[in-house]
C-alpha atoms as a PDB file:
ATOM      1  CA  UNK A   1       0.000   0.000   0.000  1.00  0.00           C
ATOM      2  CA  UNK A   2       1.542   3.326  -1.093  1.00  0.00           C
ATOM      3  CA  UNK A   3       1.732   6.596   0.889  1.00  0.00           C
ATOM      4  CA  UNK A   4      -0.888   8.057  -1.439  1.00  0.00           C
ATOM      5  CA  UNK A   5      -3.262   5.186  -0.655  1.00  0.00           C
ATOM      6  CA  UNK A   6      -2.661   5.718   3.067  1.00  0.00           C
ATOM      7  CA  UNK A   7      -3.538   9.418   2.807  1.00  0.00           C
ATOM      8  CA  UNK A   8      -6.657   8.706   0.739  1.00  0.00           C
ATOM      9  CA  UNK A   9      -7.837   6.225   3.363  1.00  0.00           C
ATOM     10  CA  UNK A  10      -7.130   8.751   6.148  1.00  0.00           C
ATOM     11  CA  UNK A  11      -9.120  11.438   4.316  1.00  0.00           C
ATOM     12  CA  UNK A  12     -12.181   9.269   3.864  1.00  0.00           C
ATOM     13  CA  UNK A  13     -12.178   7.939   7.420  1.00  0.00           C
ATOM     14  CA  UNK A  14     -11.410  11.266   9.101  1.00  0.00           C
ATOM     15  CA  UNK A  15     -13.989  13.222   7.117  1.00  0.00           C
ATOM     16  CA  UNK A  16     -16.604  10.872   8.526  1.00  0.00           C
ATOM     17  CA  UNK A  17     -15.109  11.238  12.022  1.00  0.00           C
ATOM     18  CA  UNK A  18     -15.242  15.018  11.717  1.00  0.00           C
ATOM     19  CA  UNK A  19     -18.944  14.960  10.774  1.00  0.00           C
ATOM     20  CA  UNK A  20     -19.709  12.697  13.767  1.00  0.00           C
ATOM     21  CA  UNK A  21     -18.001  14.900  16.380  1.00  0.00           C
ATOM     22  CA  UNK A  22     -20.628  16.288  18.757  1.00  0.00           C
ATOM     23  CA  UNK A  23     -18.837  19.037  20.700  1.00  0.00           C
ATOM     24  CA  UNK A  24     -16.148  21.640  20.174  1.00  0.00           C
ATOM     25  CA  UNK A  25     -13.681  20.189  22.647  1.00  0.00           C
ATOM     26  CA  UNK A  26     -13.590  16.816  20.864  1.00  0.00           C
ATOM     27  CA  UNK A  27     -13.362  18.558  17.519  1.00  0.00           C
ATOM     28  CA  UNK A  28     -10.307  20.484  18.660  1.00  0.00           C
ATOM     29  CA  UNK A  29      -8.691  17.261  19.901  1.00  0.00           C
ATOM     30  CA  UNK A  30      -9.342  15.639  16.509  1.00  0.00           C
ATOM     31  CA  UNK A  31      -7.810  18.632  14.740  1.00  0.00           C
ATOM     32  CA  UNK A  32      -4.595  18.266  16.750  1.00  0.00           C
ATOM     33  CA  UNK A  33      -4.581  14.509  16.114  1.00  0.00           C
ATOM     34  CA  UNK A  34      -4.931  14.961  12.344  1.00  0.00           C
ATOM     35  CA  UNK A  35      -3.015  18.145  11.595  1.00  0.00           C
ATOM     36  CA  UNK A  36      -0.551  18.353  14.451  1.00  0.00           C
ATOM     37  CA  UNK A  37       3.195  17.623  14.293  1.00  0.00           C
ATOM     38  CA  UNK A  38       2.605  13.987  15.141  1.00  0.00           C
ATOM     39  CA  UNK A  39      -0.393  13.589  12.873  1.00  0.00           C
ATOM     40  CA  UNK A  40      -0.580  11.163   9.897  1.00  0.00           C
ATOM     41  CA  UNK A  41      -0.286  13.892   7.273  1.00  0.00           C
ATOM     42  CA  UNK A  42       2.900  15.258   8.827  1.00  0.00           C
ATOM     43  CA  UNK A  43       4.280  11.728   9.052  1.00  0.00           C
ATOM     44  CA  UNK A  44       3.389  11.090   5.395  1.00  0.00           C
ATOM     45  CA  UNK A  45       5.197  14.252   4.293  1.00  0.00           C
ATOM     46  CA  UNK A  46       8.272  13.122   6.175  1.00  0.00           C
ATOM     47  CA  UNK A  47       8.145   9.846   4.232  1.00  0.00           C
ATOM     48  CA  UNK A  48       8.565  11.741   0.970  1.00  0.00           C
ATOM     49  CA  UNK A  49      12.323  11.293   1.271  1.00  0.00           C
ATOM     50  CA  UNK A  50      11.874   7.671   0.256  1.00  0.00           C
ATOM     51  CA  UNK A  51      10.152   8.645  -2.993  1.00  0.00           C
ATOM     52  CA  UNK A  52      11.797   9.319  -6.291  1.00  0.00           C
ATOM     53  CA  UNK A  53      12.400  12.857  -7.484  1.00  0.00           C
ATOM     54  CA  UNK A  54       9.522  12.610  -9.953  1.00  0.00           C
ATOM     55  CA  UNK A  55       7.014  11.363  -7.352  1.00  0.00           C
ATOM     56  CA  UNK A  56       7.779  13.886  -4.612  1.00  0.00           C
ATOM     57  CA  UNK A  57       6.078  16.982  -6.175  1.00  0.00           C
ATOM     58  CA  UNK A  58       2.918  15.057  -7.039  1.00  0.00           C
ATOM     59  CA  UNK A  59       2.703  13.460  -3.618  1.00  0.00           C
ATOM     60  CA  UNK A  60       3.419  16.774  -1.861  1.00  0.00           C
ATOM     61  CA  UNK A  61       0.623  18.448  -3.814  1.00  0.00           C
ATOM     62  CA  UNK A  62      -1.782  15.623  -2.973  1.00  0.00           C
ATOM     63  CA  UNK A  63      -0.836  15.661   0.737  1.00  0.00           C
ATOM     64  CA  UNK A  64      -1.412  19.416   0.922  1.00  0.00           C
ATOM     65  CA  UNK A  65      -4.828  19.064  -0.714  1.00  0.00           C
ATOM     66  CA  UNK A  66      -5.803  16.363   1.823  1.00  0.00           C
ATOM     67  CA  UNK A  67      -4.676  18.598   4.686  1.00  0.00           C
ATOM     68  CA  UNK A  68      -6.623  21.559   3.266  1.00  0.00           C
ATOM     69  CA  UNK A  69      -9.774  19.461   2.832  1.00  0.00           C
ATOM     70  CA  UNK A  70      -9.585  18.160   6.384  1.00  0.00           C
ATOM     71  CA  UNK A  71      -8.924  21.675   7.705  1.00  0.00           C
ATOM     72  CA  UNK A  72     -11.919  22.964   5.775  1.00  0.00           C
ATOM     73  CA  UNK A  73     -14.099  20.124   7.059  1.00  0.00           C
ATOM     74  CA  UNK A  74     -13.042  20.892  10.650  1.00  0.00           C
ATOM     75  CA  UNK A  75     -13.852  24.620  10.247  1.00  0.00           C
ATOM     76  CA  UNK A  76     -17.219  23.814   8.707  1.00  0.00           C
ATOM     77  CA  UNK A  77     -18.038  21.434  11.565  1.00  0.00           C
ATOM     78  CA  UNK A  78     -16.875  24.015  14.106  1.00  0.00           C
ATOM     79  CA  UNK A  79     -19.261  26.600  12.633  1.00  0.00           C
ATOM     80  CA  UNK A  80     -22.107  24.051  12.740  1.00  0.00           C
ATOM     81  CA  UNK A  81     -21.425  23.205  16.391  1.00  0.00           C
ATOM     82  CA  UNK A  82     -21.218  26.889  17.409  1.00  0.00           C
ATOM     83  CA  UNK A  83     -24.483  27.653  15.650  1.00  0.00           C
ATOM     84  CA  UNK A  84     -26.172  24.672  17.284  1.00  0.00           C
ATOM     85  CA  UNK A  85     -24.864  25.729  20.693  1.00  0.00           C
ATOM     86  CA  UNK A  86     -26.114  29.305  20.179  1.00  0.00           C
ATOM     87  CA  UNK A  87     -29.546  28.097  19.053  1.00  0.00           C
ATOM     88  CA  UNK A  88     -29.815  25.879  22.121  1.00  0.00           C
ATOM     89  CA  UNK A  89     -28.822  28.766  24.373  1.00  0.00           C
ATOM     90  CA  UNK A  90     -31.339  31.102  22.727  1.00  0.00           C
ATOM     91  CA  UNK A  91     -34.042  28.488  23.103  1.00  0.00           C
ATOM     92  CA  UNK A  92     -33.274  28.027  26.800  1.00  0.00           C
ATOM     93  CA  UNK A  93     -33.142  31.790  27.400  1.00  0.00           C
ATOM     94  CA  UNK A  94     -36.165  32.761  25.351  1.00  0.00           C
ATOM     95  CA  UNK A  95     -37.988  35.783  26.792  1.00  0.00           C
ATOM     96  CA  UNK A  96     -41.708  36.012  26.439  1.00  0.00           C
ATOM     97  CA  UNK A  97     -42.126  39.717  25.703  1.00  0.00           C
ATOM     98  CA  UNK A  98     -45.869  39.444  26.315  1.00  0.00           C
ATOM     99  CA  UNK A  99     -45.347  38.629  30.007  1.00  0.00           C
ATOM    100  CA  UNK A 100     -45.883  41.560  32.417  1.00  0.00           C
ATOM    101  CA  UNK A 101     -42.690  43.188  33.650  1.00  0.00           C
ATOM    102  CA  UNK A 102     -41.501  43.139  37.234  1.00  0.00           C
ATOM    103  CA  UNK A 103     -42.915  46.124  39.117  1.00  0.00           C
ATOM    104  CA  UNK A 104     -40.417  48.815  40.108  1.00  0.00           C
ATOM    105  CA  UNK A 105     -41.004  50.425  43.471  1.00  0.00           C
ATOM    106  CA  UNK A 106     -41.582  54.155  43.085  1.00  0.00           C
ATOM    107  CA  UNK A 107     -40.122  56.439  45.710  1.00  0.00           C
ATOM    108  CA  UNK A 108     -41.690  59.523  47.216  1.00  0.00           C
ATOM    109  CA  UNK A 109     -40.436  62.705  48.878  1.00  0.00           C
ATOM    110  CA  UNK A 110     -39.383  62.445  52.515  1.00  0.00           C
ATOM    111  CA  UNK A 111     -42.288  63.232  54.847  1.00  0.00           C
ATOM    112  CA  UNK A 112     -40.624  66.445  56.067  1.00  0.00           C
ATOM    113  CA  UNK A 113     -40.035  67.541  52.480  1.00  0.00           C
ATOM    114  CA  UNK A 114     -43.717  66.866  51.817  1.00  0.00           C
ATOM    115  CA  UNK A 115     -44.640  69.251  54.656  1.00  0.00           C
ATOM    116  CA  UNK A 116     -42.217  71.895  53.325  1.00  0.00           C
ATOM    117  CA  UNK A 117     -43.663  71.511  49.816  1.00  0.00           C
ATOM    118  CA  UNK A 118     -47.165  72.023  51.181  1.00  0.00           C
ATOM    119  CA  UNK A 119     -46.080  75.189  52.996  1.00  0.00           C
ATOM    120  CA  UNK A 120     -44.294  76.516  49.918  1.00  0.00           C
ATOM    121  CA  UNK A 121     -47.296  75.830  47.666  1.00  0.00           C
ATOM    122  CA  UNK A 122     -49.573  77.638  50.117  1.00  0.00           C
ATOM    123  CA  UNK A 123     -47.436  80.770  50.297  1.00  0.00           C
ATOM    124  CA  UNK A 124     -46.605  80.878  46.608  1.00  0.00           C
ATOM    125  CA  UNK A 125     -50.362  80.951  46.046  1.00  0.00           C
ATOM    126  CA  UNK A 126     -50.516  84.030  48.295  1.00  0.00           C
ATOM    127  CA  UNK A 127     -47.811  85.860  46.334  1.00  0.00           C
ATOM    128  CA  UNK A 128     -44.827  85.125  48.596  1.00  0.00           C
ATOM    129  CA  UNK A 129     -41.286  84.563  47.361  1.00  0.00           C
ATOM    130  CA  UNK A 130     -39.459  81.374  48.400  1.00  0.00           C
ATOM    131  CA  UNK A 131     -35.823  82.251  49.130  1.00  0.00           C
ATOM    132  CA  UNK A 132     -32.988  80.095  50.432  1.00  0.00           C
ATOM    133  CA  UNK A 133     -29.822  81.265  52.121  1.00  0.00           C
ATOM    134  CA  UNK A 134     -26.451  79.904  53.274  1.00  0.00           C
ATOM    135  CA  UNK A 135     -26.298  77.370  56.085  1.00  0.00           C
ATOM    136  CA  UNK A 136     -22.863  78.680  57.075  1.00  0.00           C
ATOM    137  CA  UNK A 137     -23.811  82.171  58.161  1.00  0.00           C
ATOM    138  CA  UNK A 138     -22.346  85.355  59.616  1.00  0.00           C
ATOM    139  CA  UNK A 139     -23.020  86.216  63.236  1.00  0.00           C
ATOM    140  CA  UNK A 140     -24.127  89.629  61.986  1.00  0.00           C
ATOM    141  CA  UNK A 141     -27.109  88.254  60.075  1.00  0.00           C
ATOM    142  CA  UNK A 142     -27.903  85.291  62.322  1.00  0.00           C
ATOM    143  CA  UNK A 143     -27.980  87.252  65.585  1.00  0.00           C
ATOM    144  CA  UNK A 144     -27.120  90.941  65.514  1.00  0.00           C
ATOM    145  CA  UNK A 145     -29.543  92.020  62.794  1.00  0.00           C
ATOM    146  CA  UNK A 146     -32.217  89.922  64.507  1.00  0.00           C
ATOM    147  CA  UNK A 147     -31.896  92.239  67.548  1.00  0.00           C
ATOM    148  CA  UNK A 148     -29.615  89.809  69.387  1.00  0.00           C
ATOM    149  CA  UNK A 149     -26.379  91.687  70.224  1.00  0.00           C
ATOM    150  CA  UNK A 150     -23.347  89.717  71.389  1.00  0.00           C
ATOM    151  CA  UNK A 151     -24.188  90.018  75.081  1.00  0.00           C
ATOM    152  CA  UNK A 152     -27.908  89.205  74.735  1.00  0.00           C
ATOM    153  CA  UNK A 153     -28.972  86.361  77.090  1.00  0.00           C
ATOM    154  CA  UNK A 154     -31.432  84.977  74.506  1.00  0.00           C
ATOM    155  CA  UNK A 155     -28.420  83.743  72.530  1.00  0.00           C
ATOM    156  CA  UNK A 156     -28.009  80.961  75.094  1.00  0.00           C
ATOM    157  CA  UNK A 157     -31.202  79.308  73.811  1.00  0.00           C
ATOM    158  CA  UNK A 158     -29.690  79.146  70.328  1.00  0.00           C
ATOM    159  CA  UNK A 159     -26.195  77.940  71.146  1.00  0.00           C
ATOM    160  CA  UNK A 160     -24.760  76.617  67.891  1.00  0.00           C
ATOM    161  CA  UNK A 161     -21.656  75.367  66.098  1.00  0.00           C
ATOM    162  CA  UNK A 162     -19.097  78.106  65.422  1.00  0.00           C
ATOM    163  CA  UNK A 163     -16.582  77.988  62.581  1.00  0.00           C
ATOM    164  CA  UNK A 164     -14.883  81.178  63.785  1.00  0.00           C
ATOM    165  CA  UNK A 165     -16.069  83.779  66.288  1.00  0.00           C
ATOM    166  CA  UNK A 166     -17.980  85.525  63.479  1.00  0.00           C
ATOM    167  CA  UNK A 167     -18.954  82.552  61.283  1.00  0.00           C
ATOM    168  CA  UNK A 168     -21.369  79.857  62.443  1.00  0.00           C
ATOM    169  CA  UNK A 169     -23.892  77.233  61.397  1.00  0.00           C
ATOM    170  CA  UNK A 170     -27.155  79.163  61.280  1.00  0.00           C
ATOM    171  CA  UNK A 171     -29.615  78.589  64.129  1.00  0.00           C
ATOM    172  CA  UNK A 172     -32.617  79.824  62.156  1.00  0.00           C
ATOM    173  CA  UNK A 173     -33.495  80.793  58.596  1.00  0.00           C
ATOM    174  CA  UNK A 174     -34.200  84.373  59.766  1.00  0.00           C
ATOM    175  CA  UNK A 175     -30.838  85.639  58.422  1.00  0.00           C
ATOM    176  CA  UNK A 176     -32.364  85.475  54.952  1.00  0.00           C
ATOM    177  CA  UNK A 177     -34.993  87.960  56.129  1.00  0.00           C
ATOM    178  CA  UNK A 178     -32.279  90.434  57.135  1.00  0.00           C
ATOM    179  CA  UNK A 179     -30.402  89.949  53.872  1.00  0.00           C
ATOM    180  CA  UNK A 180     -33.586  90.485  51.848  1.00  0.00           C
ATOM    181  CA  UNK A 181     -34.675  93.525  53.904  1.00  0.00           C
ATOM    182  CA  UNK A 182     -31.350  95.204  53.082  1.00  0.00           C
ATOM    183  CA  UNK A 183     -31.891  94.809  49.335  1.00  0.00           C
ATOM    184  CA  UNK A 184     -35.650  95.122  48.911  1.00  0.00           C
ATOM    185  CA  UNK A 185     -36.987  98.164  47.057  1.00  0.00           C
ATOM    186  CA  UNK A 186     -40.238  99.070  48.816  1.00  0.00           C
ATOM    187  CA  UNK A 187     -41.117 101.577  46.085  1.00  0.00           C
ATOM    188  CA  UNK A 188     -41.906  98.518  43.946  1.00  0.00           C
ATOM    189  CA  UNK A 189     -44.187  96.867  46.474  1.00  0.00           C
ATOM    190  CA  UNK A 190     -44.258  95.041  49.829  1.00  0.00           C
ATOM    191  CA  UNK A 191     -41.854  92.312  50.909  1.00  0.00           C
ATOM    192  CA  UNK A 192     -43.522  88.912  51.281  1.00  0.00           C
ATOM    193  CA  UNK A 193     -41.185  85.932  51.586  1.00  0.00           C
ATOM    194  CA  UNK A 194     -40.568  82.608  53.271  1.00  0.00           C
ATOM    195  CA  UNK A 195     -37.209  80.925  53.724  1.00  0.00           C
ATOM    196  CA  UNK A 196     -37.158  77.129  54.231  1.00  0.00           C
ATOM    197  CA  UNK A 197     -34.022  75.233  55.156  1.00  0.00           C
ATOM    198  CA  UNK A 198     -31.923  73.272  57.620  1.00  0.00           C
ATOM    199  CA  UNK A 199     -30.750  74.880  60.867  1.00  0.00           C
ATOM    200  CA  UNK A 200     -28.325  73.788  63.584  1.00  0.00           C
ATOM    201  CA  UNK A 201     -28.194  74.069  67.372  1.00  0.00           C
ATOM    202  CA  UNK A 202     -26.081  72.429  70.023  1.00  0.00           C
ATOM    203  CA  UNK A 203     -28.954  70.366  71.360  1.00  0.00           C
ATOM    204  CA  UNK A 204     -28.695  66.892  72.833  1.00  0.00           C
ATOM    205  CA  UNK A 205     -30.624  64.526  70.588  1.00  0.00           C
ATOM    206  CA  UNK A 206     -33.721  63.105  72.278  1.00  0.00           C
ATOM    207  CA  UNK A 207     -37.318  62.310  71.220  1.00  0.00           C
ATOM    208  CA  UNK A 208     -38.193  66.015  70.788  1.00  0.00           C
ATOM    209  CA  UNK A 209     -34.812  67.654  70.035  1.00  0.00           C
ATOM    210  CA  UNK A 210     -32.180  67.346  67.335  1.00  0.00           C
ATOM    211  CA  UNK A 211     -28.908  69.159  66.646  1.00  0.00           C
ATOM    212  CA  UNK A 212     -30.142  69.573  63.053  1.00  0.00           C
ATOM    213  CA  UNK A 213     -33.722  70.244  62.019  1.00  0.00           C
ATOM    214  CA  UNK A 214     -35.827  72.233  59.541  1.00  0.00           C
ATOM    215  CA  UNK A 215     -37.423  75.644  59.687  1.00  0.00           C
ATOM    216  CA  UNK A 216     -39.630  77.720  57.435  1.00  0.00           C
ATOM    217  CA  UNK A 217     -39.547  81.356  58.469  1.00  0.00           C
ATOM    218  CA  UNK A 218     -41.647  84.042  56.829  1.00  0.00           C
ATOM    219  CA  UNK A 219     -41.914  87.810  56.884  1.00  0.00           C
ATOM    220  CA  UNK A 220     -44.304  90.427  55.484  1.00  0.00           C
ATOM    221  CA  UNK A 221     -43.290  94.117  55.473  1.00  0.00           C
ATOM    222  CA  UNK A 222     -45.522  96.875  54.137  1.00  0.00           C
ATOM    223  CA  UNK A 223     -47.483  99.871  55.280  1.00  0.00           C
ATOM    224  CA  UNK A 224     -50.469  99.291  57.603  1.00  0.00           C
ATOM    225  CA  UNK A 225     -49.788  95.596  58.379  1.00  0.00           C
ATOM    226  CA  UNK A 226     -51.496  94.561  61.624  1.00  0.00           C
ATOM    227  CA  UNK A 227     -51.711  91.688  64.088  1.00  0.00           C
ATOM    228  CA  UNK A 228     -55.020  90.737  62.446  1.00  0.00           C
ATOM    229  CA  UNK A 229     -53.115  90.022  59.216  1.00  0.00           C
ATOM    230  CA  UNK A 230     -50.748  87.793  61.167  1.00  0.00           C
ATOM    231  CA  UNK A 231     -53.576  85.849  62.833  1.00  0.00           C
ATOM    232  CA  UNK A 232     -55.339  85.320  59.516  1.00  0.00           C
ATOM    233  CA  UNK A 233     -52.116  83.982  57.994  1.00  0.00           C
ATOM    234  CA  UNK A 234     -51.484  81.611  60.909  1.00  0.00           C
ATOM    235  CA  UNK A 235     -55.055  80.301  60.741  1.00  0.00           C
ATOM    236  CA  UNK A 236     -54.582  79.609  57.039  1.00  0.00           C
ATOM    237  CA  UNK A 237     -51.363  77.662  57.733  1.00  0.00           C
ATOM    238  CA  UNK A 238     -53.017  75.575  60.459  1.00  0.00           C
ATOM    239  CA  UNK A 239     -56.076  74.772  58.358  1.00  0.00           C
ATOM    240  CA  UNK A 240     -53.981  73.910  55.309  1.00  0.00           C
ATOM    241  CA  UNK A 241     -51.730  71.487  57.180  1.00  0.00           C
ATOM    242  CA  UNK A 242     -54.062  70.101  59.838  1.00  0.00           C
ATOM    243  CA  UNK A 243     -57.564  70.618  58.471  1.00  0.00           C
ATOM    244  CA  UNK A 244     -60.492  72.904  59.172  1.00  0.00           C
ATOM    245  CA  UNK A 245     -61.550  71.061  62.321  1.00  0.00           C
ATOM    246  CA  UNK A 246     -58.676  72.647  64.264  1.00  0.00           C
ATOM    247  CA  UNK A 247     -58.926  76.021  65.978  1.00  0.00           C
ATOM    248  CA  UNK A 248     -55.986  78.331  66.638  1.00  0.00           C
ATOM    249  CA  UNK A 249     -55.214  80.602  69.550  1.00  0.00           C
ATOM    250  CA  UNK A 250     -52.442  83.130  70.183  1.00  0.00           C
ATOM    251  CA  UNK A 251     -50.658  83.489  73.530  1.00  0.00           C
ATOM    252  CA  UNK A 252     -48.338  86.338  74.531  1.00  0.00           C
ATOM    253  CA  UNK A 253     -44.679  85.340  74.366  1.00  0.00           C
ATOM    254  CA  UNK A 254     -41.224  86.831  73.862  1.00  0.00           C
ATOM    255  CA  UNK A 255     -38.820  86.802  70.918  1.00  0.00           C
ATOM    256  CA  UNK A 256     -36.052  89.412  70.566  1.00  0.00           C
ATOM    257  CA  UNK A 257     -36.873  90.089  66.903  1.00  0.00           C
ATOM    258  CA  UNK A 258     -40.643  90.665  67.303  1.00  0.00           C
ATOM    259  CA  UNK A 259     -42.715  92.965  69.521  1.00  0.00           C
ATOM    260  CA  UNK A 260     -45.356  92.025  70.462  1.00  0.00           C
ATOM    261  CA  UNK A 261     -44.628  88.288  70.196  1.00  0.00           C
ATOM    262  CA  UNK A 262     -46.997  85.338  70.317  1.00  0.00           C
ATOM    263  CA  UNK A 263     -47.003  81.562  70.482  1.00  0.00           C
ATOM    264  CA  UNK A 264     -49.600  79.910  68.255  1.00  0.00           C
ATOM    265  CA  UNK A 265     -51.440  76.824  69.526  1.00  0.00           C
ATOM    266  CA  UNK A 266     -53.861  74.544  67.686  1.00  0.00           C
ATOM    267  CA  UNK A 267     -56.560  72.249  69.034  1.00  0.00           C
ATOM    268  CA  UNK A 268     -55.026  68.980  70.227  1.00  0.00           C
ATOM    269  CA  UNK A 269     -55.210  66.458  67.399  1.00  0.00           C
ATOM    270  CA  UNK A 270     -55.453  63.592  69.875  1.00  0.00           C
ATOM    271  CA  UNK A 271     -58.394  64.687  72.029  1.00  0.00           C
ATOM    272  CA  UNK A 272     -60.018  67.394  69.919  1.00  0.00           C
ATOM    273  CA  UNK A 273     -59.562  69.985  72.678  1.00  0.00           C
ATOM    274  CA  UNK A 274     -61.027  67.960  75.559  1.00  0.00           C
ATOM    275  CA  UNK A 275     -57.669  67.491  77.296  1.00  0.00           C
ATOM    276  CA  UNK A 276     -55.328  64.504  77.337  1.00  0.00           C
ATOM    277  CA  UNK A 277     -51.779  63.458  78.168  1.00  0.00           C
ATOM    278  CA  UNK A 278     -50.507  64.581  74.743  1.00  0.00           C
ATOM    279  CA  UNK A 279     -51.585  68.196  75.304  1.00  0.00           C
ATOM    280  CA  UNK A 280     -50.993  68.019  79.069  1.00  0.00           C
ATOM    281  CA  UNK A 281     -54.733  68.316  79.578  1.00  0.00           C
ATOM    282  CA  UNK A 282     -54.892  71.848  78.160  1.00  0.00           C
ATOM    283  CA  UNK A 283     -56.645  70.929  74.920  1.00  0.00           C
ATOM    284  CA  UNK A 284     -53.985  72.857  72.944  1.00  0.00           C
ATOM    285  CA  UNK A 285     -50.631  72.091  71.332  1.00  0.00           C
ATOM    286  CA  UNK A 286     -47.993  74.717  70.574  1.00  0.00           C
ATOM    287  CA  UNK A 287     -47.016  74.721  66.885  1.00  0.00           C
ATOM    288  CA  UNK A 288     -45.150  77.946  66.052  1.00  0.00           C
ATOM    289  CA  UNK A 289     -43.904  81.348  67.156  1.00  0.00           C
ATOM    290  CA  UNK A 290     -44.649  84.700  65.551  1.00  0.00           C
ATOM    291  CA  UNK A 291     -45.060  88.414  66.164  1.00  0.00           C
ATOM    292  CA  UNK A 292     -44.847  91.905  64.736  1.00  0.00           C
ATOM    293  CA  UNK A 293     -41.340  92.678  63.447  1.00  0.00           C
ATOM    294  CA  UNK A 294     -39.328  94.657  66.013  1.00  0.00           C
ATOM    295  CA  UNK A 295     -38.532  98.236  64.889  1.00  0.00           C
ATOM    296  CA  UNK A 296     -34.829  97.605  65.606  1.00  0.00           C
ATOM    297  CA  UNK A 297     -34.762  94.813  63.014  1.00  0.00           C
ATOM    298  CA  UNK A 298     -36.194  97.175  60.398  1.00  0.00           C
ATOM    299  CA  UNK A 299     -33.875 100.067  61.270  1.00  0.00           C
ATOM    300  CA  UNK A 300     -30.734  97.882  61.178  1.00  0.00           C
ATOM    301  CA  UNK A 301     -31.705  96.822  57.646  1.00  0.00           C
ATOM    302  CA  UNK A 302     -32.190 100.446  56.587  1.00  0.00           C
ATOM    303  CA  UNK A 303     -36.016 100.370  56.608  1.00  0.00           C
ATOM    304  CA  UNK A 304     -37.906 103.264  58.160  1.00  0.00           C
ATOM    305  CA  UNK A 305     -39.903 101.722  61.030  1.00  0.00           C
ATOM    306  CA  UNK A 306     -42.105 104.799  61.245  1.00  0.00           C
ATOM    307  CA  UNK A 307     -43.434 104.088  57.753  1.00  0.00           C
ATOM    308  CA  UNK A 308     -43.179 100.330  57.392  1.00  0.00           C
ATOM    309  CA  UNK A 309     -44.055  97.447  59.667  1.00  0.00           C
ATOM    310  CA  UNK A 310     -45.052  93.841  59.413  1.00  0.00           C
ATOM    311  CA  UNK A 311     -45.083  90.410  60.933  1.00  0.00           C
ATOM    312  CA  UNK A 312     -42.782  87.398  61.020  1.00  0.00           C
ATOM    313  CA  UNK A 313     -43.339  83.771  61.907  1.00  0.00           C
ATOM    314  CA  UNK A 314     -41.362  80.563  62.208  1.00  0.00           C
ATOM    315  CA  UNK A 315     -42.676  77.097  61.419  1.00  0.00           C
ATOM    316  CA  UNK A 316     -40.973  73.792  62.266  1.00  0.00           C
ATOM    317  CA  UNK A 317     -41.794  71.195  59.569  1.00  0.00           C
ATOM    318  CA  UNK A 318     -40.326  68.442  61.774  1.00  0.00           C
ATOM    319  CA  UNK A 319     -42.704  69.357  64.615  1.00  0.00           C
ATOM    320  CA  UNK A 320     -45.617  69.732  62.212  1.00  0.00           C
ATOM    321  CA  UNK A 321     -44.946  66.230  60.885  1.00  0.00           C
ATOM    322  CA  UNK A 322     -44.793  64.829  64.421  1.00  0.00           C
ATOM    323  CA  UNK A 323     -48.096  66.461  65.345  1.00  0.00           C
ATOM    324  CA  UNK A 324     -49.848  65.608  62.104  1.00  0.00           C
ATOM    325  CA  UNK A 325     -48.920  61.926  62.139  1.00  0.00           C
ATOM    326  CA  UNK A 326     -48.577  61.291  65.874  1.00  0.00           C
ATOM    327  CA  UNK A 327     -44.842  60.505  65.686  1.00  0.00           C
ATOM    328  CA  UNK A 328     -43.369  60.365  69.190  1.00  0.00           C
ATOM    329  CA  UNK A 329     -39.644  60.586  68.349  1.00  0.00           C
ATOM    330  CA  UNK A 330     -38.135  63.152  65.972  1.00  0.00           C
ATOM    331  CA  UNK A 331     -35.142  60.884  65.376  1.00  0.00           C
ATOM    332  CA  UNK A 332     -37.329  58.514  63.354  1.00  0.00           C
ATOM    333  CA  UNK A 333     -37.298  61.069  60.539  1.00  0.00           C
ATOM    334  CA  UNK A 334     -33.503  60.840  60.209  1.00  0.00           C
ATOM    335  CA  UNK A 335     -32.846  57.096  60.533  1.00  0.00           C
ATOM    336  CA  UNK A 336     -33.670  56.410  56.850  1.00  0.00           C
ATOM    337  CA  UNK A 337     -35.768  53.397  57.829  1.00  0.00           C
ATOM    338  CA  UNK A 338     -37.835  52.740  54.702  1.00  0.00           C
ATOM    339  CA  UNK A 339     -40.411  50.803  56.733  1.00  0.00           C
ATOM    340  CA  UNK A 340     -41.123  53.999  58.679  1.00  0.00           C
ATOM    341  CA  UNK A 341     -40.922  56.488  55.801  1.00  0.00           C
ATOM    342  CA  UNK A 342     -43.170  54.599  53.389  1.00  0.00           C
ATOM    343  CA  UNK A 343     -46.101  54.932  55.790  1.00  0.00           C
ATOM    344  CA  UNK A 344     -46.621  58.535  54.718  1.00  0.00           C
ATOM    345  CA  UNK A 345     -48.621  59.279  51.610  1.00  0.00           C
ATOM    346  CA  UNK A 346     -47.163  61.377  48.820  1.00  0.00           C
ATOM    347  CA  UNK A 347     -49.584  64.188  49.648  1.00  0.00           C
ATOM    348  CA  UNK A 348     -47.926  64.746  53.024  1.00  0.00           C
END
């Protein structure tokens, strides 16, 4: 049997073997077996030295054609196996596009932000501006222009975090009132604004206190503004946030930046005014402070207090949220516990 006959037999047998291979790994092993350095074609080419000079070119050409045919058969089979593997994978991973998708949980604003949004919407509807100011504030605007000079004892109630002796973390959003009073042109109309934001005080965290909380402070300055205007505004706030079933009352109080000053109470949400442990059996719950703007505050901002006057008020969204929803610990608002926060509807 000649070398040519051996190669012809190898081609016929191996072409059948190639077609019968069922996976890529076995196909690669067969390729190495046939076309590698120790394969039958390589061995046959080495045997060419025993052939005559006339036979060598013809045999070499034949051997190369056998190798090319086997290589082509292997590549064709490889493509078939890859395609079959891909089709099987696609079949196993078929997606039914008609099936309903997995629901995605939709978030909502934080409950305190909901309260702030409600307050902002209310006052925007009444023609107020909504202005925000810096949280790192000057002592001048935070205290002095609010009628709280450096030696004023009322500063002790608003002890805060100081950056330097003249720069601090604001204790209230009132500084924005002073900044706006300085710039406002009263020849173009009255000043009506609220300033929401975060404030800081050196309080020990407990169920009713936090070193960081929210405030919305407002001010109205114009000619002929009276306490009646203030009471009407406070009643509107209470009814908007708590509902029409609540009454409001004003009690005399003291704030350095207003004179006269008042505390505003609403009917206890728990007992409806009958008296209970929540309201300490008074039937009322304190919700905010307010008053007529002190003449000193106006004069320090360059506003003539003989011509202009007005009222100011401060609302605590954190406290409003506690009262509205019966939350007994302010710290719950800041723990980021989704189980707690998702209890509050998007409407606030």
